[in-house]
mmCIF file of all heavy atoms, coordinates in Angstrom:
data_MODEL
# 
_entry.id   MODEL 
# 
loop_
_atom_site.group_PDB 
_atom_site.id 
_atom_site.type_symbol 
_atom_site.label_atom_id 
_atom_site.label_alt_id 
_atom_site.label_comp_id 
_atom_site.label_asym_id 
_atom_site.label_entity_id 
_atom_site.label_seq_id 
_atom_site.pdbx_PDB_ins_code 
_atom_site.Cartn_x 
_atom_site.Cartn_y 
_atom_site.Cartn_z 
_atom_site.occupancy 
_atom_site.B_iso_or_equiv 
_atom_site.pdbx_formal_charge 
_atom_site.auth_seq_id 
_atom_site.auth_comp_id 
_atom_site.auth_asym_id 
_atom_site.auth_atom_id 
_atom_site.pdbx_PDB_model_num 
ATOM 1   N N   . THR A 1 1  ? 0.851  -1.185  -0.017 1.00 0.00 ? 1  THR A N   1 
ATOM 2   C CA  . THR A 1 1  ? -0.030 0.007   -0.029 1.00 0.00 ? 1  THR A CA  1 
ATOM 3   C C   . THR A 1 1  ? 0.868  1.224   0.029  1.00 0.00 ? 1  THR A C   1 
ATOM 4   O O   . THR A 1 1  ? 0.631  2.226   -0.784 1.00 0.00 ? 1  THR A O   1 
ATOM 5   C CB  . THR A 1 1  ? -0.965 0.062   1.226  1.00 0.00 ? 1  THR A CB  1 
ATOM 6   O OG1 . THR A 1 1  ? -1.820 -1.125  1.208  1.00 0.00 ? 1  THR A OG1 1 
ATOM 7   C CG2 . THR A 1 1  ? -1.856 1.291   1.197  1.00 0.00 ? 1  THR A CG2 1 
ATOM 8   N N   . THR A 1 2  ? 1.833  1.277   0.847  1.00 0.00 ? 2  THR A N   1 
ATOM 9   C CA  . THR A 1 2  ? 2.804  2.422   0.940  1.00 0.00 ? 2  THR A CA  1 
ATOM 10  C C   . THR A 1 2  ? 4.155  1.949   0.327  1.00 0.00 ? 2  THR A C   1 
ATOM 11  O O   . THR A 1 2  ? 4.835  1.238   0.941  1.00 0.00 ? 2  THR A O   1 
ATOM 12  C CB  . THR A 1 2  ? 3.014  2.924   2.371  1.00 0.00 ? 2  THR A CB  1 
ATOM 13  O OG1 . THR A 1 2  ? 1.779  3.265   2.928  1.00 0.00 ? 2  THR A OG1 1 
ATOM 14  C CG2 . THR A 1 2  ? 3.991  4.058   2.422  1.00 0.00 ? 2  THR A CG2 1 
ATOM 15  N N   . PRO A 1 3  ? 4.492  2.463   -0.867 1.00 0.00 ? 3  PRO A N   1 
ATOM 16  C CA  . PRO A 1 3  ? 5.744  2.056   -1.511 1.00 0.00 ? 3  PRO A CA  1 
ATOM 17  C C   . PRO A 1 3  ? 7.013  2.260   -0.580 1.00 0.00 ? 3  PRO A C   1 
ATOM 18  O O   . PRO A 1 3  ? 6.995  3.324   0.010  1.00 0.00 ? 3  PRO A O   1 
ATOM 19  C CB  . PRO A 1 3  ? 5.790  2.830   -2.817 1.00 0.00 ? 3  PRO A CB  1 
ATOM 20  C CG  . PRO A 1 3  ? 4.409  3.203   -3.082 1.00 0.00 ? 3  PRO A CG  1 
ATOM 21  C CD  . PRO A 1 3  ? 3.730  3.350   -1.741 1.00 0.00 ? 3  PRO A CD  1 
ATOM 22  N N   . TYR A 1 4  ? 7.775  1.331   -0.525 1.00 0.00 ? 4  TYR A N   1 
ATOM 23  C CA  . TYR A 1 4  ? 8.888  1.425   0.406  1.00 0.00 ? 4  TYR A CA  1 
ATOM 24  C C   . TYR A 1 4  ? 9.778  2.682   0.085  1.00 0.00 ? 4  TYR A C   1 
ATOM 25  O O   . TYR A 1 4  ? 10.222 3.385   1.023  1.00 0.00 ? 4  TYR A O   1 
ATOM 26  C CB  . TYR A 1 4  ? 9.812  0.142   0.271  1.00 0.00 ? 4  TYR A CB  1 
ATOM 27  C CG  . TYR A 1 4  ? 11.009 0.189   1.189  1.00 0.00 ? 4  TYR A CG  1 
ATOM 28  C CD1 . TYR A 1 4  ? 10.916 -0.151  2.566  1.00 0.00 ? 4  TYR A CD1 1 
ATOM 29  C CD2 . TYR A 1 4  ? 12.294 0.613   0.791  1.00 0.00 ? 4  TYR A CD2 1 
ATOM 30  C CE1 . TYR A 1 4  ? 12.008 -0.166  3.416  1.00 0.00 ? 4  TYR A CE1 1 
ATOM 31  C CE2 . TYR A 1 4  ? 13.426 0.643   1.572  1.00 0.00 ? 4  TYR A CE2 1 
ATOM 32  C CZ  . TYR A 1 4  ? 13.251 0.268   2.931  1.00 0.00 ? 4  TYR A CZ  1 
ATOM 33  O OH  . TYR A 1 4  ? 14.327 0.320   3.766  1.00 0.00 ? 4  TYR A OH  1 
ATOM 34  N N   . ALA A 1 5  ? 10.031 2.974   -1.183 1.00 0.00 ? 5  ALA A N   1 
ATOM 35  C CA  . ALA A 1 5  ? 10.903 4.053   -1.590 1.00 0.00 ? 5  ALA A CA  1 
ATOM 36  C C   . ALA A 1 5  ? 10.289 5.471   -1.076 1.00 0.00 ? 5  ALA A C   1 
ATOM 37  O O   . ALA A 1 5  ? 11.093 6.371   -0.864 1.00 0.00 ? 5  ALA A O   1 
ATOM 38  C CB  . ALA A 1 5  ? 11.056 4.086   -3.022 1.00 0.00 ? 5  ALA A CB  1 
ATOM 39  N N   . GLN A 1 6  ? 8.972  5.495   -0.959 1.00 0.00 ? 6  GLN A N   1 
ATOM 40  C CA  . GLN A 1 6  ? 8.384  6.774   -0.609 1.00 0.00 ? 6  GLN A CA  1 
ATOM 41  C C   . GLN A 1 6  ? 8.026  6.924   0.879  1.00 0.00 ? 6  GLN A C   1 
ATOM 42  O O   . GLN A 1 6  ? 7.644  8.000   1.333  1.00 0.00 ? 6  GLN A O   1 
ATOM 43  C CB  . GLN A 1 6  ? 6.996  6.916   -1.447 1.00 0.00 ? 6  GLN A CB  1 
ATOM 44  C CG  . GLN A 1 6  ? 7.240  6.945   -2.864 1.00 0.00 ? 6  GLN A CG  1 
ATOM 45  C CD  . GLN A 1 6  ? 5.936  6.871   -3.673 1.00 0.00 ? 6  GLN A CD  1 
ATOM 46  O OE1 . GLN A 1 6  ? 4.860  7.176   -3.125 1.00 0.00 ? 6  GLN A OE1 1 
ATOM 47  N NE2 . GLN A 1 6  ? 5.983  6.542   -4.982 1.00 0.00 ? 6  GLN A NE2 1 
ATOM 48  N N   . ALA A 1 7  ? 8.254  5.845   1.627  1.00 0.00 ? 7  ALA A N   1 
ATOM 49  C CA  . ALA A 1 7  ? 7.785  5.807   3.017  1.00 0.00 ? 7  ALA A CA  1 
ATOM 50  C C   . ALA A 1 7  ? 8.765  6.530   3.948  1.00 0.00 ? 7  ALA A C   1 
ATOM 51  O O   . ALA A 1 7  ? 9.997  6.512   3.759  1.00 0.00 ? 7  ALA A O   1 
ATOM 52  C CB  . ALA A 1 7  ? 7.632  4.381   3.453  1.00 0.00 ? 7  ALA A CB  1 
ATOM 53  N N   . GLN A 1 8  ? 8.184  7.165   4.929  1.00 0.00 ? 8  GLN A N   1 
ATOM 54  C CA  . GLN A 1 8  ? 8.957  7.786   5.981  1.00 0.00 ? 8  GLN A CA  1 
ATOM 55  C C   . GLN A 1 8  ? 9.079  6.758   7.187  1.00 0.00 ? 8  GLN A C   1 
ATOM 56  O O   . GLN A 1 8  ? 10.070 6.918   7.995  1.00 0.00 ? 8  GLN A O   1 
ATOM 57  C CB  . GLN A 1 8  ? 8.310  9.078   6.459  1.00 0.00 ? 8  GLN A CB  1 
ATOM 58  C CG  . GLN A 1 8  ? 8.437  10.153  5.410  1.00 0.00 ? 8  GLN A CG  1 
ATOM 59  C CD  . GLN A 1 8  ? 7.871  11.505  5.927  1.00 0.00 ? 8  GLN A CD  1 
ATOM 60  O OE1 . GLN A 1 8  ? 7.100  11.502  6.966  1.00 0.00 ? 8  GLN A OE1 1 
ATOM 61  N NE2 . GLN A 1 8  ? 8.205  12.633  5.222  1.00 0.00 ? 8  GLN A NE2 1 
ATOM 62  N N   . TYR A 1 9  ? 8.065  5.913   7.312  1.00 0.00 ? 9  TYR A N   1 
ATOM 63  C CA  . TYR A 1 9  ? 8.102  4.881   8.333  1.00 0.00 ? 9  TYR A CA  1 
ATOM 64  C C   . TYR A 1 9  ? 8.001  3.530   7.794  1.00 0.00 ? 9  TYR A C   1 
ATOM 65  O O   . TYR A 1 9  ? 7.450  3.298   6.638  1.00 0.00 ? 9  TYR A O   1 
ATOM 66  C CB  . TYR A 1 9  ? 6.897  5.131   9.270  1.00 0.00 ? 9  TYR A CB  1 
ATOM 67  C CG  . TYR A 1 9  ? 7.059  6.348   10.229 1.00 0.00 ? 9  TYR A CG  1 
ATOM 68  C CD1 . TYR A 1 9  ? 6.721  7.536   9.810  1.00 0.00 ? 9  TYR A CD1 1 
ATOM 69  C CD2 . TYR A 1 9  ? 7.564  6.195   11.443 1.00 0.00 ? 9  TYR A CD2 1 
ATOM 70  C CE1 . TYR A 1 9  ? 6.774  8.666   10.594 1.00 0.00 ? 9  TYR A CE1 1 
ATOM 71  C CE2 . TYR A 1 9  ? 7.741  7.246   12.275 1.00 0.00 ? 9  TYR A CE2 1 
ATOM 72  C CZ  . TYR A 1 9  ? 7.324  8.519   11.865 1.00 0.00 ? 9  TYR A CZ  1 
ATOM 73  O OH  . TYR A 1 9  ? 7.494  9.620   12.630 1.00 0.00 ? 9  TYR A OH  1 
ATOM 74  N N   . VAL A 1 10 ? 8.650  2.498   8.459  1.00 0.00 ? 10 VAL A N   1 
ATOM 75  C CA  . VAL A 1 10 ? 8.657  1.170   8.012  1.00 0.00 ? 10 VAL A CA  1 
ATOM 76  C C   . VAL A 1 10 ? 8.349  0.211   9.127  1.00 0.00 ? 10 VAL A C   1 
ATOM 77  O O   . VAL A 1 10 ? 8.367  0.610   10.324 1.00 0.00 ? 10 VAL A O   1 
ATOM 78  C CB  . VAL A 1 10 ? 10.039 0.811   7.388  1.00 0.00 ? 10 VAL A CB  1 
ATOM 79  C CG1 . VAL A 1 10 ? 10.276 1.576   5.981  1.00 0.00 ? 10 VAL A CG1 1 
ATOM 80  C CG2 . VAL A 1 10 ? 11.152 1.081   8.325  1.00 0.00 ? 10 VAL A CG2 1 
ATOM 81  N N   . THR A 1 11 ? 7.993  -0.981  8.694  1.00 0.00 ? 11 THR A N   1 
ATOM 82  C CA  . THR A 1 11 ? 7.629  -2.029  9.740  1.00 0.00 ? 11 THR A CA  1 
ATOM 83  C C   . THR A 1 11 ? 7.895  -3.371  9.261  1.00 0.00 ? 11 THR A C   1 
ATOM 84  O O   . THR A 1 11 ? 7.993  -3.589  8.080  1.00 0.00 ? 11 THR A O   1 
ATOM 85  C CB  . THR A 1 11 ? 6.113  -1.855  10.223 1.00 0.00 ? 11 THR A CB  1 
ATOM 86  O OG1 . THR A 1 11 ? 5.917  -2.723  11.365 1.00 0.00 ? 11 THR A OG1 1 
ATOM 87  C CG2 . THR A 1 11 ? 5.215  -2.263  9.155  1.00 0.00 ? 11 THR A CG2 1 
ATOM 88  N N   . ASN A 1 12 ? 7.970  -4.349  10.140 1.00 0.00 ? 12 ASN A N   1 
ATOM 89  C CA  . ASN A 1 12 ? 7.961  -5.718  9.778  1.00 0.00 ? 12 ASN A CA  1 
ATOM 90  C C   . ASN A 1 12 ? 6.581  -6.267  9.969  1.00 0.00 ? 12 ASN A C   1 
ATOM 91  O O   . ASN A 1 12 ? 6.063  -6.379  11.058 1.00 0.00 ? 12 ASN A O   1 
ATOM 92  C CB  . ASN A 1 12 ? 8.882  -6.514  10.791 1.00 0.00 ? 12 ASN A CB  1 
ATOM 93  C CG  . ASN A 1 12 ? 8.846  -8.033  10.647 1.00 0.00 ? 12 ASN A CG  1 
ATOM 94  O OD1 . ASN A 1 12 ? 8.151  -8.483  9.861  1.00 0.00 ? 12 ASN A OD1 1 
ATOM 95  N ND2 . ASN A 1 12 ? 9.587  -8.665  11.519 1.00 0.00 ? 12 ASN A ND2 1 
ATOM 96  N N   . PRO A 1 13 ? 5.892  -6.599  8.865  1.00 0.00 ? 13 PRO A N   1 
ATOM 97  C CA  . PRO A 1 13 ? 4.469  -6.963  8.931  1.00 0.00 ? 13 PRO A CA  1 
ATOM 98  C C   . PRO A 1 13 ? 4.241  -8.302  9.588  1.00 0.00 ? 13 PRO A C   1 
ATOM 99  O O   . PRO A 1 13 ? 3.061  -8.604  9.958  1.00 0.00 ? 13 PRO A O   1 
ATOM 100 C CB  . PRO A 1 13 ? 4.070  -7.077  7.454  1.00 0.00 ? 13 PRO A CB  1 
ATOM 101 C CG  . PRO A 1 13 ? 5.369  -7.430  6.738  1.00 0.00 ? 13 PRO A CG  1 
ATOM 102 C CD  . PRO A 1 13 ? 6.320  -6.644  7.464  1.00 0.00 ? 13 PRO A CD  1 
ATOM 103 N N   . SER A 1 14 ? 5.293  -9.097  9.906  1.00 0.00 ? 14 SER A N   1 
ATOM 104 C CA  . SER A 1 14 ? 5.155  -10.414 10.465 1.00 0.00 ? 14 SER A CA  1 
ATOM 105 C C   . SER A 1 14 ? 5.833  -10.463 11.836 1.00 0.00 ? 14 SER A C   1 
ATOM 106 O O   . SER A 1 14 ? 5.998  -11.547 12.447 1.00 0.00 ? 14 SER A O   1 
ATOM 107 C CB  . SER A 1 14 ? 5.837  -11.470 9.546  1.00 0.00 ? 14 SER A CB  1 
ATOM 108 O OG  . SER A 1 14 ? 5.255  -11.529 8.304  1.00 0.00 ? 14 SER A OG  1 
ATOM 109 N N   . GLY A 1 15 ? 6.218  -9.271  12.357 1.00 0.00 ? 15 GLY A N   1 
ATOM 110 C CA  . GLY A 1 15 ? 6.966  -9.270  13.668 1.00 0.00 ? 15 GLY A CA  1 
ATOM 111 C C   . GLY A 1 15 ? 6.047  -9.494  14.831 1.00 0.00 ? 15 GLY A C   1 
ATOM 112 O O   . GLY A 1 15 ? 4.934  -9.162  14.816 1.00 0.00 ? 15 GLY A O   1 
ATOM 113 N N   . HIS A 1 16 ? 6.674  -9.998  15.880 1.00 0.00 ? 16 HIS A N   1 
ATOM 114 C CA  . HIS A 1 16 ? 5.941  -10.236 17.116 1.00 0.00 ? 16 HIS A CA  1 
ATOM 115 C C   . HIS A 1 16 ? 5.787  -8.945  18.043 1.00 0.00 ? 16 HIS A C   1 
ATOM 116 O O   . HIS A 1 16 ? 5.004  -8.980  19.002 1.00 0.00 ? 16 HIS A O   1 
ATOM 117 C CB  . HIS A 1 16 ? 6.659  -11.269 17.989 1.00 0.00 ? 16 HIS A CB  1 
ATOM 118 C CG  . HIS A 1 16 ? 6.771  -12.629 17.281 1.00 0.00 ? 16 HIS A CG  1 
ATOM 119 N ND1 . HIS A 1 16 ? 5.594  -13.264 16.895 1.00 0.00 ? 16 HIS A ND1 1 
ATOM 120 C CD2 . HIS A 1 16 ? 7.835  -13.413 16.930 1.00 0.00 ? 16 HIS A CD2 1 
ATOM 121 C CE1 . HIS A 1 16 ? 5.998  -14.444 16.343 1.00 0.00 ? 16 HIS A CE1 1 
ATOM 122 N NE2 . HIS A 1 16 ? 7.286  -14.557 16.318 1.00 0.00 ? 16 HIS A NE2 1 
ATOM 123 N N   . TYR A 1 17 ? 6.487  -7.891  17.698 1.00 0.00 ? 17 TYR A N   1 
ATOM 124 C CA  . TYR A 1 17 ? 6.390  -6.644  18.533 1.00 0.00 ? 17 TYR A CA  1 
ATOM 125 C C   . TYR A 1 17 ? 5.309  -5.686  18.207 1.00 0.00 ? 17 TYR A C   1 
ATOM 126 O O   . TYR A 1 17 ? 5.176  -4.688  18.864 1.00 0.00 ? 17 TYR A O   1 
ATOM 127 C CB  . TYR A 1 17 ? 7.786  -5.890  18.365 1.00 0.00 ? 17 TYR A CB  1 
ATOM 128 C CG  . TYR A 1 17 ? 8.911  -6.625  18.986 1.00 0.00 ? 17 TYR A CG  1 
ATOM 129 C CD1 . TYR A 1 17 ? 9.863  -7.354  18.233 1.00 0.00 ? 17 TYR A CD1 1 
ATOM 130 C CD2 . TYR A 1 17 ? 9.115  -6.592  20.419 1.00 0.00 ? 17 TYR A CD2 1 
ATOM 131 C CE1 . TYR A 1 17 ? 10.945 -7.963  18.807 1.00 0.00 ? 17 TYR A CE1 1 
ATOM 132 C CE2 . TYR A 1 17 ? 10.174 -7.226  21.011 1.00 0.00 ? 17 TYR A CE2 1 
ATOM 133 C CZ  . TYR A 1 17 ? 11.077 -7.921  20.186 1.00 0.00 ? 17 TYR A CZ  1 
ATOM 134 O OH  . TYR A 1 17 ? 12.121 -8.616  20.783 1.00 0.00 ? 17 TYR A OH  1 
ATOM 135 N N   . GLY A 1 18 ? 4.468  -6.057  17.127 1.00 0.00 ? 18 GLY A N   1 
ATOM 136 C CA  . GLY A 1 18 ? 3.321  -5.198  16.867 1.00 0.00 ? 18 GLY A CA  1 
ATOM 137 C C   . GLY A 1 18 ? 3.712  -3.766  16.435 1.00 0.00 ? 18 GLY A C   1 
ATOM 138 O O   . GLY A 1 18 ? 4.579  -3.632  15.634 1.00 0.00 ? 18 GLY A O   1 
ATOM 139 N N   . LEU A 1 19 ? 3.050  -2.818  17.164 1.00 0.00 ? 19 LEU A N   1 
ATOM 140 C CA  . LEU A 1 19 ? 3.325  -1.423  16.852 1.00 0.00 ? 19 LEU A CA  1 
ATOM 141 C C   . LEU A 1 19 ? 4.759  -0.996  17.098 1.00 0.00 ? 19 LEU A C   1 
ATOM 142 O O   . LEU A 1 19 ? 5.287  -0.040  16.464 1.00 0.00 ? 19 LEU A O   1 
ATOM 143 C CB  . LEU A 1 19 ? 2.333  -0.527  17.657 1.00 0.00 ? 19 LEU A CB  1 
ATOM 144 C CG  . LEU A 1 19 ? 0.919  -0.588  17.261 1.00 0.00 ? 19 LEU A CG  1 
ATOM 145 C CD1 . LEU A 1 19 ? 0.056  0.167   18.254 1.00 0.00 ? 19 LEU A CD1 1 
ATOM 146 C CD2 . LEU A 1 19 ? 0.606  -0.006  15.894 1.00 0.00 ? 19 LEU A CD2 1 
ATOM 147 N N   . LYS A 1 20 ? 5.447  -1.761  17.969 1.00 0.00 ? 20 LYS A N   1 
ATOM 148 C CA  . LYS A 1 20 ? 6.883  -1.468  18.234 1.00 0.00 ? 20 LYS A CA  1 
ATOM 149 C C   . LYS A 1 20 ? 7.702  -1.670  17.061 1.00 0.00 ? 20 LYS A C   1 
ATOM 150 O O   . LYS A 1 20 ? 8.843  -1.150  16.938 1.00 0.00 ? 20 LYS A O   1 
ATOM 151 C CB  . LYS A 1 20 ? 7.342  -2.230  19.415 1.00 0.00 ? 20 LYS A CB  1 
ATOM 152 C CG  . LYS A 1 20 ? 8.527  -1.722  20.136 1.00 0.00 ? 20 LYS A CG  1 
ATOM 153 C CD  . LYS A 1 20 ? 8.889  -2.412  21.386 1.00 0.00 ? 20 LYS A CD  1 
ATOM 154 C CE  . LYS A 1 20 ? 10.035 -1.768  22.093 1.00 0.00 ? 20 LYS A CE  1 
ATOM 155 N NZ  . LYS A 1 20 ? 10.340 -2.453  23.402 1.00 0.00 ? 20 LYS A NZ  1 
ATOM 156 N N   . ASN A 1 21 ? 7.257  -2.388  16.086 1.00 0.00 ? 21 ASN A N   1 
ATOM 157 C CA  . ASN A 1 21 ? 8.064  -2.647  14.821 1.00 0.00 ? 21 ASN A CA  1 
ATOM 158 C C   . ASN A 1 21 ? 8.056  -1.493  13.910 1.00 0.00 ? 21 ASN A C   1 
ATOM 159 O O   . ASN A 1 21 ? 8.894  -1.430  12.950 1.00 0.00 ? 21 ASN A O   1 
ATOM 160 C CB  . ASN A 1 21 ? 7.455  -3.909  14.031 1.00 0.00 ? 21 ASN A CB  1 
ATOM 161 C CG  . ASN A 1 21 ? 7.926  -5.181  14.649 1.00 0.00 ? 21 ASN A CG  1 
ATOM 162 O OD1 . ASN A 1 21 ? 9.132  -5.395  14.921 1.00 0.00 ? 21 ASN A OD1 1 
ATOM 163 N ND2 . ASN A 1 21 ? 6.998  -6.101  14.811 1.00 0.00 ? 21 ASN A ND2 1 
ATOM 164 N N   . ILE A 1 22 ? 7.222  -0.476  14.194 1.00 0.00 ? 22 ILE A N   1 
ATOM 165 C CA  . ILE A 1 22 ? 7.138  0.764   13.326 1.00 0.00 ? 22 ILE A CA  1 
ATOM 166 C C   . ILE A 1 22 ? 8.240  1.692   13.736 1.00 0.00 ? 22 ILE A C   1 
ATOM 167 O O   . ILE A 1 22 ? 8.307  2.121   14.872 1.00 0.00 ? 22 ILE A O   1 
ATOM 168 C CB  . ILE A 1 22 ? 5.775  1.391   13.422 1.00 0.00 ? 22 ILE A CB  1 
ATOM 169 C CG1 . ILE A 1 22 ? 4.721  0.428   13.010 1.00 0.00 ? 22 ILE A CG1 1 
ATOM 170 C CG2 . ILE A 1 22 ? 5.729  2.656   12.614 1.00 0.00 ? 22 ILE A CG2 1 
ATOM 171 C CD1 . ILE A 1 22 ? 3.286  1.004   13.227 1.00 0.00 ? 22 ILE A CD1 1 
ATOM 172 N N   . LEU A 1 23 ? 9.144  1.944   12.801 1.00 0.00 ? 23 LEU A N   1 
ATOM 173 C CA  . LEU A 1 23 ? 10.324 2.845   13.015 1.00 0.00 ? 23 LEU A CA  1 
ATOM 174 C C   . LEU A 1 23 ? 10.452 3.849   11.892 1.00 0.00 ? 23 LEU A C   1 
ATOM 175 O O   . LEU A 1 23 ? 10.009 3.500   10.728 1.00 0.00 ? 23 LEU A O   1 
ATOM 176 C CB  . LEU A 1 23 ? 11.524 1.982   13.125 1.00 0.00 ? 23 LEU A CB  1 
ATOM 177 C CG  . LEU A 1 23 ? 11.706 1.005   14.204 1.00 0.00 ? 23 LEU A CG  1 
ATOM 178 C CD1 . LEU A 1 23 ? 12.838 0.077   13.923 1.00 0.00 ? 23 LEU A CD1 1 
ATOM 179 C CD2 . LEU A 1 23 ? 11.996 1.762   15.501 1.00 0.00 ? 23 LEU A CD2 1 
ATOM 180 N N   . PRO A 1 24 ? 11.075 4.959   12.189 1.00 0.00 ? 24 PRO A N   1 
ATOM 181 C CA  . PRO A 1 24 ? 11.426 5.888   11.055 1.00 0.00 ? 24 PRO A CA  1 
ATOM 182 C C   . PRO A 1 24 ? 12.364 5.116   10.054 1.00 0.00 ? 24 PRO A C   1 
ATOM 183 O O   . PRO A 1 24 ? 13.360 4.445   10.553 1.00 0.00 ? 24 PRO A O   1 
ATOM 184 C CB  . PRO A 1 24 ? 12.213 7.055   11.736 1.00 0.00 ? 24 PRO A CB  1 
ATOM 185 C CG  . PRO A 1 24 ? 11.730 6.939   13.144 1.00 0.00 ? 24 PRO A CG  1 
ATOM 186 C CD  . PRO A 1 24 ? 11.497 5.499   13.480 1.00 0.00 ? 24 PRO A CD  1 
ATOM 187 N N   . LYS A 1 25 ? 12.186 5.272   8.784  1.00 0.00 ? 25 LYS A N   1 
ATOM 188 C CA  . LYS A 1 25 ? 13.036 4.546   7.831  1.00 0.00 ? 25 LYS A CA  1 
ATOM 189 C C   . LYS A 1 25 ? 14.501 4.995   7.923  1.00 0.00 ? 25 LYS A C   1 
ATOM 190 O O   . LYS A 1 25 ? 15.381 4.216   7.616  1.00 0.00 ? 25 LYS A O   1 
ATOM 191 C CB  . LYS A 1 25 ? 12.536 4.810   6.380  1.00 0.00 ? 25 LYS A CB  1 
ATOM 192 C CG  . LYS A 1 25 ? 13.124 3.901   5.359  1.00 0.00 ? 25 LYS A CG  1 
ATOM 193 C CD  . LYS A 1 25 ? 12.519 3.807   4.060  1.00 0.00 ? 25 LYS A CD  1 
ATOM 194 C CE  . LYS A 1 25 ? 12.681 5.209   3.323  1.00 0.00 ? 25 LYS A CE  1 
ATOM 195 N NZ  . LYS A 1 25 ? 12.142 5.098   1.958  1.00 0.00 ? 25 LYS A NZ  1 
ATOM 196 N N   . MET A 1 26 ? 14.711 6.233   8.400  1.00 0.00 ? 26 MET A N   1 
ATOM 197 C CA  . MET A 1 26 ? 16.025 6.723   8.504  1.00 0.00 ? 26 MET A CA  1 
ATOM 198 C C   . MET A 1 26 ? 16.936 5.920   9.479  1.00 0.00 ? 26 MET A C   1 
ATOM 199 O O   . MET A 1 26 ? 18.093 5.951   9.499  1.00 0.00 ? 26 MET A O   1 
ATOM 200 C CB  . MET A 1 26 ? 16.073 8.265   8.920  1.00 0.00 ? 26 MET A CB  1 
ATOM 201 C CG  . MET A 1 26 ? 15.589 8.481   10.283 1.00 0.00 ? 26 MET A CG  1 
ATOM 202 S SD  . MET A 1 26 ? 15.594 10.275  10.686 1.00 0.00 ? 26 MET A SD  1 
ATOM 203 C CE  . MET A 1 26 ? 15.047 10.256  12.421 1.00 0.00 ? 26 MET A CE  1 
# 
């Protein structure tokens, strides 16, 4: 849905940490 190249935030969609997996791409 959100292209990786354009994203400011990224996540592991299969991670066990839930929302904690969301991090600034930088």
